[in-house]
Amino acid sequence: MKLFHAIIFLFGCCAAQPVLAQDILAKKDSVAAKVQQVPEKFISTAKSKADKLNKQVTTRTDKALKRFLKEEQAMQKKLSKIDSLAAKNIFTRSIDSLGNLQARLKGKLGKVKVPSVLSQPGGPYLDSLQNSLAFLKGSNDLLKQSKGLTDKLSNASKSMDALKDKLQQAEAIKSFIRERKQQLKEQLAQYTGFTKDLQKMNKEAYYYAQQLKEYKEVFKDKKKAEQKAMEIIKKVPAFNDFMQKHSQLASLFNLQGGSASPQDLAGLQTRSQVEQLIQQRLGGGPNAGTAVGQQMAEARSRINELKSKFPDLDNAADMPNFKPKELKTKSFLQRLEFGSNIQFQRSTKFFPTTSDLAGQVAYKFHKNGSAGIGASYKLGLGTGFNDIHFSGQGASIRSFIDWKLKGTFYLNGGYEQNFQPDYPGANEGIGQAWTPSGLIGLSKKYKINSKLKGNMMVLFDFLYSQHVPRTDPIKVRMGYNF
């Protein structure tokens, strides 16, 4: 009987092996099929975005270093007239350091030394993008064999690595500027006449930090090819295992398989150890935790208050001592706002029911105001439900300005020129081909989604009495801004 059972067992194992091999091959084929669905455009898009951000960070950082160098040289010259020895001690070394940072930023003297930090300036998005490319690069056997694709992956990975290094350098330079700003404030406190100079440096440091943050926010805006690629890759189990081993969190604790061993966590304090240390320092006995909790709640409330005033700050040392301009770090294109609106005009003796279909572009010159231009096409719709037919009734050229009053209500004003050459039923010589309109009124804006806003305007045309034939003075428009 034992021999019979052994034979049955061996027969079952031999029969299961082909099935197991087929399952493995089928699984690999399924993974390969998914990986091959990743759009090739994703690789070129990721590379171009990384190269663009790298260039932007390099240019803006170089500009900040030049301005700081110029300011320090000017302050050194000013202080040397008062105390030449102090001017030499305070500024000489720093001026040399700024010059070295400039050269290292451009790769002339090697890379900027980056201190060891727990967080990475690229953030989760750059981490995911970088690891996605690394995973694809290591999955050449699953991709369609193409030398061109392999080269693109290699170049994209190099661009990501270069960007990561550049962002780390920028963070190191930002820390240097922050510390230098504080040093100068303390060292020049005994001298008069440096308040404006220090404020200039504070402004440059603040706007430099905000500009870097703005660049990274634009970088995180996913394109269609990226979204599709990430959706496909995340469905591959091998990619999730890869992320567990190579993500920022994994590299921080040297995690393997998504969990930390006792050796990895050696040296980190437990919660009970921290509570015990607090009790020893405060000498408050077992109620020390409650006292600390109350103090932490007060501190958190104060921090939240400061964050509401300066939501973009990530370090208390960057707190500005002036009123920042919110749009200073926005580029010209980022200040543009595109939109469209529609307006209906009832039929009269001279005109059919008309719909004005308009497109416009506005430039945001202030956090509360924008100005722009637009154009519209006048579409005739007929004279009623029993007489609907379409016709061209002219066009108009528009200019306008918006100013925020309170909440979502805005004051709106504008000047327009309307072109309507045909006046059926009017005597010859009566009617203007071009009629001006001066508009003023209120608009209400509302949010539809993260990228689309709606608006409704009620406007009064104070030049309507000059129109021949006369038109309605009230204009109601509804539209969208993108």
Protein backbone atom coordinates (compact mmCIF):
# COMPACT_ATOMS: atom_id res chain seq x y z
CA MET A 1 0.00 0.00 0.00
CA LYS A 2 2.83 2.39 0.85
CA LEU A 3 4.46 1.72 -2.53
CA PHE A 4 1.10 2.35 -4.25
CA HIS A 5 0.64 5.72 -2.46
CA ALA A 6 4.18 6.78 -3.37
CA ILE A 7 3.55 6.00 -7.04
CA ILE A 8 0.30 7.99 -7.01
CA PHE A 9 2.07 10.96 -5.34
CA LEU A 10 4.91 10.95 -7.88
CA PHE A 11 2.42 10.72 -10.75
CA GLY A 12 0.49 13.71 -9.36
CA CYS A 13 3.66 15.82 -9.05
CA CYS A 14 4.72 15.02 -12.60
CA ALA A 15 1.26 15.94 -13.88
CA ALA A 16 1.21 19.21 -11.91
CA GLN A 17 4.59 20.43 -13.18
CA PRO A 18 3.43 21.17 -16.76
CA VAL A 19 0.36 22.94 -15.38
CA LEU A 20 2.52 25.04 -13.03
CA ALA A 21 4.90 25.90 -15.86
CA GLN A 22 1.97 26.90 -18.05
CA ASP A 23 0.63 29.16 -15.27
CA ILE A 24 4.03 30.86 -14.91
CA LEU A 25 4.34 31.39 -18.67
CA ALA A 26 0.76 32.67 -18.88
CA LYS A 27 1.43 35.09 -16.01
CA LYS A 28 4.61 36.35 -17.67
CA ASP A 29 2.78 36.77 -20.97
CA SER A 30 0.04 38.72 -19.17
CA VAL A 31 2.62 41.03 -17.54
CA ALA A 32 4.42 41.49 -20.88
CA ALA A 33 1.11 42.33 -22.60
CA LYS A 34 0.38 45.00 -20.00
CA VAL A 35 3.88 46.48 -20.11
CA GLN A 36 3.79 46.64 -23.91
CA GLN A 37 0.61 48.74 -23.67
CA VAL A 38 2.60 51.58 -22.09
CA PRO A 39 2.58 54.38 -24.69
CA GLU A 40 6.03 55.18 -26.09
CA LYS A 41 5.10 58.85 -25.86
CA PHE A 42 5.21 58.52 -22.06
CA ILE A 43 8.99 58.09 -22.17
CA SER A 44 9.63 61.13 -24.37
CA THR A 45 7.14 63.22 -22.35
CA ALA A 46 8.82 62.32 -19.06
CA LYS A 47 12.25 63.21 -20.49
CA SER A 48 11.14 66.56 -21.91
CA LYS A 49 9.43 67.53 -18.62
CA ALA A 50 12.54 66.60 -16.62
CA ASP A 51 14.84 68.53 -18.96
CA LYS A 52 12.56 71.58 -18.85
CA LEU A 53 12.37 71.64 -15.05
CA ASN A 54 16.13 71.09 -14.81
CA LYS A 55 16.74 74.10 -17.05
CA GLN A 56 14.22 76.27 -15.16
CA VAL A 57 15.72 75.43 -11.76
CA THR A 58 19.26 76.04 -13.01
CA THR A 59 18.37 79.42 -14.57
CA ARG A 60 16.37 80.65 -11.55
CA THR A 61 18.97 79.46 -9.03
CA ASP A 62 21.78 81.10 -10.97
CA LYS A 63 19.75 84.33 -11.07
CA ALA A 64 19.19 84.19 -7.28
CA LEU A 65 22.88 83.58 -6.60
CA LYS A 66 23.87 86.51 -8.84
CA ARG A 67 21.50 88.83 -7.01
CA PHE A 68 22.73 87.70 -3.58
CA LEU A 69 26.33 88.09 -4.71
CA LYS A 70 25.60 91.60 -5.98
CA GLU A 71 23.81 92.57 -2.74
CA GLU A 72 26.60 91.24 -0.52
CA GLN A 73 29.25 93.06 -2.57
CA ALA A 74 27.25 96.30 -2.26
CA MET A 75 26.84 95.84 1.52
CA GLN A 76 30.54 95.02 1.90
CA LYS A 77 31.44 98.24 0.10
CA LYS A 78 29.04 100.22 2.30
CA LEU A 79 30.33 98.64 5.53
CA SER A 80 33.99 99.07 4.57
CA LYS A 81 33.49 102.85 4.83
CA ILE A 82 32.40 102.36 8.46
CA ASP A 83 34.46 99.36 9.59
CA SER A 84 36.81 97.82 7.00
CA LEU A 85 37.88 94.93 9.23
CA ALA A 86 34.27 93.91 9.96
CA ALA A 87 33.44 94.19 6.25
CA LYS A 88 36.25 91.78 5.44
CA ASN A 89 35.33 89.30 8.19
CA ILE A 90 31.59 89.32 7.47
CA PHE A 91 31.50 89.23 3.68
CA THR A 92 34.71 87.87 2.13
CA ARG A 93 34.11 84.20 2.87
CA SER A 94 30.42 84.38 1.96
CA ILE A 95 31.13 86.11 -1.37
CA ASP A 96 33.61 83.35 -2.22
CA SER A 97 31.05 80.71 -1.25
CA LEU A 98 28.38 82.26 -3.48
CA GLY A 99 30.81 82.32 -6.40
CA ASN A 100 31.66 78.65 -5.82
CA LEU A 101 27.97 77.73 -5.66
CA GLN A 102 27.43 79.43 -9.02
CA ALA A 103 30.30 77.52 -10.60
CA ARG A 104 29.22 74.19 -9.08
CA LEU A 105 25.63 74.74 -10.21
CA LYS A 106 26.88 74.90 -13.78
CA GLY A 107 29.13 71.88 -13.26
CA LYS A 108 32.41 73.81 -13.48
CA LEU A 109 33.73 72.75 -10.05
CA GLY A 110 31.78 69.55 -9.43
CA LYS A 111 28.35 69.26 -7.81
CA VAL A 112 27.02 71.25 -4.91
CA LYS A 113 27.50 69.26 -1.71
CA VAL A 114 24.07 68.11 -0.59
CA PRO A 115 23.53 67.39 3.12
CA SER A 116 21.96 64.09 4.06
CA VAL A 117 18.21 64.67 4.54
CA LEU A 118 15.26 62.38 5.13
CA SER A 119 12.92 63.94 2.59
CA GLN A 120 13.66 64.40 -1.09
CA PRO A 121 12.73 67.70 -2.81
CA GLY A 122 11.29 65.94 -5.85
CA GLY A 123 8.39 64.57 -3.81
CA PRO A 124 6.22 61.48 -4.45
CA TYR A 125 5.47 62.38 -8.08
CA LEU A 126 9.11 62.49 -9.17
CA ASP A 127 9.74 59.31 -7.16
CA SER A 128 6.93 57.47 -8.98
CA LEU A 129 8.01 58.78 -12.37
CA GLN A 130 11.64 57.87 -11.80
CA ASN A 131 10.81 54.37 -10.56
CA SER A 132 8.38 53.78 -13.44
CA LEU A 133 11.17 54.46 -15.93
CA ALA A 134 13.61 52.33 -13.92
CA PHE A 135 11.11 49.46 -13.88
CA LEU A 136 10.56 49.70 -17.64
CA LYS A 137 14.31 49.89 -18.20
CA GLY A 138 14.75 46.69 -16.21
CA SER A 139 11.93 44.99 -18.13
CA ASN A 140 13.55 45.01 -21.56
CA ASP A 141 12.66 41.34 -21.99
CA LEU A 142 8.97 42.25 -21.63
CA LEU A 143 9.06 45.26 -23.97
CA LYS A 144 8.93 45.16 -27.72
CA GLN A 145 12.54 44.69 -28.78
CA SER A 146 13.62 48.03 -30.20
CA LYS A 147 17.01 49.67 -29.89
CA GLY A 148 15.41 53.06 -30.26
CA LEU A 149 13.06 52.40 -27.33
CA THR A 150 15.93 51.15 -25.17
CA ASP A 151 17.94 54.30 -25.91
CA LYS A 152 14.92 56.51 -25.13
CA LEU A 153 14.45 54.76 -21.77
CA SER A 154 18.13 55.18 -20.94
CA ASN A 155 18.11 58.89 -21.85
CA ALA A 156 14.86 59.51 -19.91
CA SER A 157 16.32 57.80 -16.82
CA LYS A 158 19.46 59.95 -17.08
CA SER A 159 17.31 63.08 -17.31
CA MET A 160 15.38 62.02 -14.18
CA ASP A 161 18.61 61.37 -12.25
CA ALA A 162 19.99 64.76 -13.36
CA LEU A 163 16.77 66.48 -12.28
CA LYS A 164 16.84 64.78 -8.90
CA ASP A 165 20.42 65.97 -8.35
CA LYS A 166 19.54 69.49 -9.49
CA LEU A 167 16.59 69.73 -7.11
CA GLN A 168 18.75 68.52 -4.24
CA GLN A 169 21.36 71.15 -5.13
CA ALA A 170 18.65 73.82 -5.23
CA GLU A 171 17.42 72.78 -1.78
CA ALA A 172 20.99 72.94 -0.45
CA ILE A 173 21.44 76.43 -1.94
CA LYS A 174 18.08 77.49 -0.51
CA SER A 175 19.23 76.33 2.95
CA PHE A 176 22.51 78.22 2.52
CA ILE A 177 20.65 81.41 1.56
CA ARG A 178 18.27 81.01 4.50
CA GLU A 179 21.13 80.61 6.99
CA ARG A 180 23.14 83.43 5.41
CA LYS A 181 20.18 85.77 5.61
CA GLN A 182 19.86 85.08 9.34
CA GLN A 183 23.61 85.53 9.90
CA LEU A 184 23.65 88.92 8.20
CA LYS A 185 20.67 90.05 10.24
CA GLU A 186 22.57 89.26 13.46
CA GLN A 187 25.99 90.51 12.30
CA LEU A 188 24.72 93.83 10.94
CA ALA A 189 22.33 94.56 13.83
CA GLN A 190 24.85 96.98 15.39
CA TYR A 191 25.15 99.02 12.19
CA THR A 192 22.60 101.44 10.76
CA GLY A 193 21.61 101.84 7.12
CA PHE A 194 21.34 98.16 6.18
CA THR A 195 17.60 97.65 6.71
CA LYS A 196 16.66 98.08 3.03
CA ASP A 197 19.53 95.87 1.89
CA LEU A 198 18.46 93.05 4.20
CA GLN A 199 14.86 93.43 3.07
CA LYS A 200 15.97 93.07 -0.57
CA MET A 201 17.73 89.82 0.32
CA ASN A 202 14.69 88.61 2.23
CA LYS A 203 12.48 89.31 -0.76
CA GLU A 204 14.81 87.51 -3.15
CA ALA A 205 15.03 84.49 -0.82
CA TYR A 206 11.24 84.34 -0.47
CA TYR A 207 10.49 84.68 -4.19
CA TYR A 208 13.22 82.19 -5.07
CA ALA A 209 11.66 79.56 -2.80
CA GLN A 210 8.20 80.30 -4.18
CA GLN A 211 9.43 80.10 -7.78
CA LEU A 212 10.94 76.66 -7.16
CA LYS A 213 7.67 75.52 -5.66
CA GLU A 214 5.77 76.90 -8.67
CA TYR A 215 8.03 75.03 -11.09
CA LYS A 216 7.48 71.76 -9.23
CA GLU A 217 3.69 72.25 -9.18
CA VAL A 218 3.68 72.67 -12.97
CA PHE A 219 5.93 69.60 -13.28
CA LYS A 220 3.37 67.51 -11.33
CA ASP A 221 0.61 68.32 -13.83
CA LYS A 222 0.18 64.95 -15.54
CA LYS A 223 -0.19 64.69 -19.30
CA LYS A 224 -2.52 62.19 -20.96
CA ALA A 225 0.32 59.81 -21.88
CA GLU A 226 1.57 59.84 -18.26
CA GLN A 227 -1.85 59.09 -16.80
CA LYS A 228 -2.39 56.16 -19.14
CA ALA A 229 1.11 54.79 -18.51
CA MET A 230 0.79 54.98 -14.73
CA GLU A 231 -2.63 53.31 -14.82
CA ILE A 232 -1.17 50.40 -16.82
CA ILE A 233 2.04 50.01 -14.81
CA LYS A 234 0.27 50.07 -11.43
CA LYS A 235 -1.75 47.01 -12.51
CA VAL A 236 1.47 44.99 -12.85
CA PRO A 237 2.22 43.18 -9.53
CA ALA A 238 5.96 43.21 -10.30
CA PHE A 239 5.91 47.03 -10.36
CA ASN A 240 4.32 47.21 -6.91
CA ASP A 241 7.05 44.92 -5.56
CA PHE A 242 9.64 47.11 -7.29
CA MET A 243 8.22 50.26 -5.64
CA GLN A 244 8.27 48.62 -2.21
CA LYS A 245 12.00 48.05 -2.60
CA HIS A 246 13.05 51.25 -4.40
CA SER A 247 10.69 54.04 -3.32
CA GLN A 248 11.76 56.95 -1.10
CA LEU A 249 10.24 55.33 1.99
CA ALA A 250 12.02 52.05 1.27
CA SER A 251 15.37 53.79 0.81
CA LEU A 252 14.83 55.75 4.03
CA PHE A 253 14.55 52.60 6.19
CA ASN A 254 16.31 50.21 3.77
CA LEU A 255 13.06 48.26 3.49
CA GLN A 256 12.93 44.99 1.57
CA GLY A 257 9.55 43.64 0.63
CA GLY A 258 7.76 46.61 2.18
CA SER A 259 8.60 45.87 5.82
CA ALA A 260 11.40 46.92 8.14
CA SER A 261 13.52 44.46 10.10
CA PRO A 262 14.58 45.17 13.71
CA GLN A 263 18.09 45.94 12.42
CA ASP A 264 16.64 48.58 10.04
CA LEU A 265 14.83 50.33 12.90
CA ALA A 266 17.72 50.13 15.33
CA GLY A 267 18.33 53.47 17.02
CA LEU A 268 14.79 54.82 16.48
CA GLN A 269 13.00 55.70 19.72
CA THR A 270 9.70 54.07 20.61
CA ARG A 271 6.66 56.04 21.76
CA SER A 272 7.07 54.88 25.37
CA GLN A 273 10.74 55.96 25.36
CA VAL A 274 9.78 59.42 24.08
CA GLU A 275 7.06 59.79 26.76
CA GLN A 276 9.51 58.68 29.47
CA LEU A 277 12.09 61.23 28.26
CA ILE A 278 9.47 64.03 28.33
CA GLN A 279 8.51 63.15 31.93
CA GLN A 280 12.17 63.22 33.00
CA ARG A 281 12.81 66.59 31.33
CA LEU A 282 9.64 68.30 32.54
CA GLY A 283 9.52 66.66 35.95
CA GLY A 284 5.75 66.62 35.74
CA GLY A 285 5.24 63.00 36.75
CA PRO A 286 2.65 60.88 34.99
CA ASN A 287 0.67 63.98 33.91
CA ALA A 288 3.56 65.37 31.87
CA GLY A 289 2.04 63.91 28.69
CA THR A 290 -1.20 65.82 29.25
CA ALA A 291 0.67 69.09 29.80
CA VAL A 292 2.71 68.57 26.67
CA GLY A 293 -0.47 67.72 24.75
CA GLN A 294 -2.02 71.03 25.76
CA GLN A 295 1.09 72.96 24.75
CA MET A 296 1.22 71.11 21.44
CA ALA A 297 -2.44 71.96 20.78
CA GLU A 298 -1.70 75.66 21.34
CA ALA A 299 1.37 75.48 19.11
CA ARG A 300 -0.60 73.65 16.41
CA SER A 301 -3.29 76.33 16.53
CA ARG A 302 -0.66 79.04 16.10
CA ILE A 303 0.98 77.15 13.22
CA ASN A 304 -2.37 76.69 11.47
CA GLU A 305 -3.01 80.43 11.80
CA LEU A 306 0.35 81.20 10.16
CA LYS A 307 -0.25 78.59 7.45
CA SER A 308 -3.58 80.21 6.59
CA LYS A 309 -1.76 83.53 6.02
CA PHE A 310 1.17 81.96 4.13
CA PRO A 311 -0.06 78.61 2.75
CA ASP A 312 2.94 78.21 0.42
CA LEU A 313 5.65 78.29 3.11
CA ASP A 314 7.37 75.05 4.10
CA ASN A 315 9.83 76.57 6.59
CA ALA A 316 9.30 79.13 9.33
CA ALA A 317 12.64 80.76 8.46
CA ASP A 318 11.19 81.78 5.09
CA MET A 319 8.52 83.93 6.76
CA PRO A 320 8.51 87.25 4.84
CA ASN A 321 8.80 90.57 6.67
CA PHE A 322 6.92 92.26 3.82
CA LYS A 323 3.65 91.78 1.97
CA PRO A 324 4.38 89.33 -0.87
CA LYS A 325 2.98 89.78 -4.37
CA GLU A 326 1.06 86.59 -5.07
CA LEU A 327 1.51 86.72 -8.86
CA LYS A 328 5.21 87.66 -8.96
CA THR A 329 6.36 84.06 -9.50
CA LYS A 330 3.75 83.38 -12.21
CA SER A 331 4.90 83.48 -15.81
CA PHE A 332 3.06 85.47 -18.48
CA LEU A 333 1.31 82.36 -19.81
CA GLN A 334 0.30 81.26 -16.31
CA ARG A 335 -1.46 84.60 -15.81
CA LEU A 336 -3.59 84.18 -18.93
CA GLU A 337 -7.16 82.96 -18.50
CA PHE A 338 -9.16 81.83 -21.52
CA GLY A 339 -12.92 81.86 -21.64
CA SER A 340 -16.09 82.09 -23.67
CA ASN A 341 -19.63 83.39 -23.15
CA ILE A 342 -22.96 83.64 -24.87
CA GLN A 343 -25.50 86.46 -25.00
CA PHE A 344 -29.04 86.51 -26.49
CA GLN A 345 -30.77 89.57 -27.90
CA ARG A 346 -34.52 89.55 -28.60
CA SER A 347 -35.83 90.22 -32.09
CA THR A 348 -36.86 93.74 -33.11
CA LYS A 349 -38.19 95.44 -36.22
CA PHE A 350 -34.65 95.59 -37.60
CA PHE A 351 -32.94 92.50 -36.15
CA PRO A 352 -33.86 88.83 -35.70
CA THR A 353 -33.25 87.09 -32.39
CA THR A 354 -29.46 87.18 -32.10
CA SER A 355 -26.97 85.06 -30.20
CA ASP A 356 -23.50 86.50 -29.59
CA LEU A 357 -20.94 83.67 -29.37
CA ALA A 358 -17.74 85.09 -27.88
CA GLY A 359 -14.23 83.98 -27.06
CA GLN A 360 -11.84 85.97 -24.86
CA VAL A 361 -8.48 85.97 -23.11
CA ALA A 362 -7.74 87.84 -19.87
CA TYR A 363 -4.44 88.76 -18.21
CA LYS A 364 -4.40 88.63 -14.41
CA PHE A 365 -2.51 91.77 -13.36
CA HIS A 366 -3.52 91.56 -9.68
CA LYS A 367 -4.83 88.85 -7.38
CA ASN A 368 -8.22 90.63 -7.51
CA GLY A 369 -8.19 91.97 -11.05
CA SER A 370 -7.77 91.02 -14.70
CA ALA A 371 -8.11 92.75 -18.06
CA GLY A 372 -8.56 91.27 -21.50
CA ILE A 373 -9.82 91.33 -25.05
CA GLY A 374 -12.27 89.22 -27.02
CA ALA A 375 -14.33 88.87 -30.15
CA SER A 376 -17.80 87.53 -30.91
CA TYR A 377 -19.84 86.32 -33.84
CA LYS A 378 -23.48 87.42 -34.09
CA LEU A 379 -25.65 84.49 -35.12
CA GLY A 380 -29.21 85.25 -36.23
CA LEU A 381 -31.80 82.68 -35.05
CA GLY A 382 -34.98 83.97 -36.76
CA THR A 383 -37.91 85.92 -35.41
CA GLY A 384 -39.75 83.26 -33.40
CA PHE A 385 -40.53 79.57 -32.94
CA ASN A 386 -42.48 79.56 -36.23
CA ASP A 387 -39.63 81.26 -38.09
CA ILE A 388 -36.31 79.67 -37.05
CA HIS A 389 -33.46 80.09 -39.49
CA PHE A 390 -29.77 80.86 -39.07
CA SER A 391 -28.02 83.88 -40.53
CA GLY A 392 -24.88 85.91 -40.03
CA GLN A 393 -25.64 89.22 -38.34
CA GLY A 394 -22.14 90.64 -37.85
CA ALA A 395 -19.42 90.53 -35.23
CA SER A 396 -17.93 92.54 -32.37
CA ILE A 397 -14.55 93.39 -30.86
CA ARG A 398 -14.40 93.61 -27.08
CA SER A 399 -12.18 94.84 -24.25
CA PHE A 400 -13.00 94.39 -20.57
CA ILE A 401 -11.76 94.56 -17.00
CA ASP A 402 -12.78 92.54 -13.92
CA TRP A 403 -12.23 93.54 -10.30
CA LYS A 404 -13.16 91.43 -7.31
CA LEU A 405 -15.58 93.13 -4.92
CA LYS A 406 -16.28 90.47 -2.32
CA GLY A 407 -16.37 86.69 -2.35
CA THR A 408 -17.44 85.56 -5.81
CA PHE A 409 -18.87 88.90 -6.96
CA TYR A 410 -16.93 91.08 -9.41
CA LEU A 411 -17.30 94.54 -10.90
CA ASN A 412 -17.15 94.25 -14.68
CA GLY A 413 -16.65 97.01 -17.23
CA GLY A 414 -15.80 97.12 -20.90
CA TYR A 415 -15.81 98.85 -24.26
CA GLU A 416 -17.01 97.19 -27.48
CA GLN A 417 -17.43 97.92 -31.16
CA ASN A 418 -20.31 96.03 -32.82
CA PHE A 419 -20.42 95.47 -36.56
CA GLN A 420 -23.94 95.01 -38.01
CA PRO A 421 -24.13 96.23 -41.63
CA ASP A 422 -27.62 95.00 -42.58
CA TYR A 423 -30.85 96.64 -41.37
CA PRO A 424 -33.82 95.05 -43.14
CA GLY A 425 -36.86 97.33 -43.17
CA ALA A 426 -34.86 100.52 -42.53
CA ASN A 427 -34.77 103.42 -44.97
CA GLU A 428 -31.59 103.78 -46.96
CA GLY A 429 -28.90 105.70 -45.11
CA ILE A 430 -30.34 104.90 -41.68
CA GLY A 431 -28.23 102.73 -39.39
CA GLN A 432 -24.64 102.47 -38.32
CA ALA A 433 -22.31 99.75 -39.56
CA TRP A 434 -20.24 100.11 -36.36
CA THR A 435 -21.89 100.94 -33.03
CA PRO A 436 -19.93 101.50 -29.78
CA SER A 437 -21.00 100.04 -26.43
CA GLY A 438 -19.83 101.15 -22.98
CA LEU A 439 -20.67 98.45 -20.44
CA ILE A 440 -20.63 98.32 -16.67
CA GLY A 441 -22.18 95.82 -14.31
CA LEU A 442 -21.73 92.89 -11.94
CA SER A 443 -20.65 89.33 -12.49
CA LYS A 444 -20.93 86.22 -10.35
CA LYS A 445 -18.27 83.52 -10.66
CA TYR A 446 -18.61 79.94 -9.46
CA LYS A 447 -16.44 76.84 -9.54
CA ILE A 448 -17.50 73.91 -11.73
CA ASN A 449 -14.38 71.75 -11.28
CA SER A 450 -10.63 72.19 -10.71
CA LYS A 451 -10.05 73.53 -14.25
CA LEU A 452 -13.38 75.08 -15.20
CA LYS A 453 -15.20 78.09 -13.72
CA GLY A 454 -18.58 79.46 -14.66
CA ASN A 455 -19.75 83.07 -14.62
CA MET A 456 -22.91 85.10 -15.16
CA MET A 457 -22.90 88.84 -15.97
CA VAL A 458 -25.55 91.53 -15.96
CA LEU A 459 -24.31 94.65 -17.78
CA PHE A 460 -25.73 98.06 -18.61
CA ASP A 461 -24.79 99.74 -21.93
CA PHE A 462 -24.67 103.46 -21.17
CA LEU A 463 -24.12 104.26 -24.88
CA TYR A 464 -27.27 102.48 -26.05
CA SER A 465 -29.10 105.77 -26.73
CA GLN A 466 -26.52 106.65 -29.40
CA HIS A 467 -27.27 103.52 -31.42
CA VAL A 468 -29.24 103.93 -34.65
CA PRO A 469 -31.48 101.97 -34.54
CA ARG A 470 -31.58 101.81 -30.77
CA THR A 471 -30.72 98.51 -28.99
CA ASP A 472 -31.55 97.08 -25.55
CA PRO A 473 -29.50 98.65 -22.75
CA ILE A 474 -29.34 95.49 -20.60
CA LYS A 475 -27.00 92.63 -21.54
CA VAL A 476 -27.07 89.24 -19.81
CA ARG A 477 -24.15 86.91 -20.50
CA MET A 478 -23.28 83.42 -19.30
CA GLY A 479 -19.91 81.81 -19.82
CA TYR A 480 -16.95 79.75 -18.73
CA ASN A 481 -13.28 80.36 -17.92
CA PHE A 482 -10.65 77.68 -18.45
